Protein backbone atom coordinates (compact mmCIF):
# COMPACT_ATOMS: atom_id res chain seq x y z
CA MET A 1 81.36 -36.35 65.26
CA GLU A 2 77.62 -35.79 65.55
CA PHE A 3 74.93 -36.53 62.98
CA LYS A 4 71.31 -35.46 62.63
CA VAL A 5 69.35 -38.58 61.68
CA GLU A 6 65.82 -38.42 60.31
CA GLY A 7 63.40 -41.30 60.52
CA MET A 8 64.38 -42.87 63.85
CA THR A 9 61.14 -43.49 65.69
CA CYS A 10 61.81 -46.38 68.07
CA GLY A 11 64.44 -48.42 69.88
CA GLY A 12 64.66 -50.79 66.91
CA CYS A 13 65.54 -47.86 64.65
CA ALA A 14 68.22 -46.73 67.09
CA GLU A 15 69.71 -50.23 67.17
CA ALA A 16 69.68 -50.42 63.36
CA VAL A 17 71.63 -47.15 63.23
CA ARG A 18 74.14 -48.42 65.83
CA ARG A 19 74.73 -51.61 63.83
CA ALA A 20 75.12 -49.65 60.59
CA VAL A 21 77.71 -47.31 62.10
CA ARG A 22 79.65 -50.18 63.65
CA LYS A 23 79.99 -51.80 60.22
CA VAL A 24 82.15 -48.88 59.08
CA ALA A 25 83.61 -47.97 62.49
CA PRO A 26 83.76 -51.16 64.59
CA GLU A 27 85.82 -49.59 67.38
CA ALA A 28 83.77 -46.40 67.66
CA ALA A 29 81.51 -45.49 70.54
CA VAL A 30 78.00 -44.83 69.18
CA GLU A 31 75.55 -42.82 71.28
CA VAL A 32 71.99 -42.46 69.97
CA ASP A 33 69.66 -39.71 71.19
CA LEU A 34 66.36 -41.04 69.85
CA ALA A 35 64.26 -38.10 71.07
CA GLY A 36 66.67 -35.55 69.59
CA GLY A 37 67.31 -37.47 66.39
CA ARG A 38 71.06 -37.32 66.88
CA VAL A 39 73.86 -39.84 66.76
CA ALA A 40 77.34 -39.21 68.16
CA VAL A 41 80.22 -41.32 66.86
CA SER A 42 83.63 -41.16 68.52
CA PRO A 43 85.99 -41.38 66.84
CA ALA A 44 84.29 -41.07 63.45
CA PRO A 45 86.51 -42.47 60.70
CA ASP A 46 84.91 -40.51 57.87
CA ALA A 47 81.70 -38.49 58.02
CA ALA A 48 80.67 -39.48 54.50
CA ALA A 49 81.17 -43.19 55.24
CA VAL A 50 79.12 -42.98 58.43
CA ALA A 51 76.32 -41.04 56.72
CA ALA A 52 76.28 -43.55 53.85
CA ALA A 53 76.09 -46.48 56.28
CA ILE A 54 73.16 -44.85 58.06
CA ALA A 55 71.48 -44.23 54.70
CA ARG A 56 71.89 -47.90 53.77
CA ALA A 57 70.03 -48.72 56.98
CA GLY A 58 67.10 -46.64 55.71
CA PHE A 59 67.61 -43.29 57.42
CA THR A 60 68.72 -39.84 56.30
CA ALA A 61 71.84 -38.53 58.06
CA ARG A 62 73.88 -35.36 57.85
CA ALA A 63 76.96 -34.38 59.78
CA LEU A 64 76.60 -31.49 62.21
CA GLY A 65 79.24 -28.91 62.85
């Protein structure tokens, strides 16, 4: 599942998003495209849970597709 994430501006932001996603999906592969503002999570357990975790980290996320 892919998410559009707003507010990521640096490597620290990308790492914060990775940590947030891994809290709700510890076994998932998390790929962050900082320049594109996208995060791919495979497998994503629940889009709403992933988006909420990213929001708790201080970013706005919405599922794509």
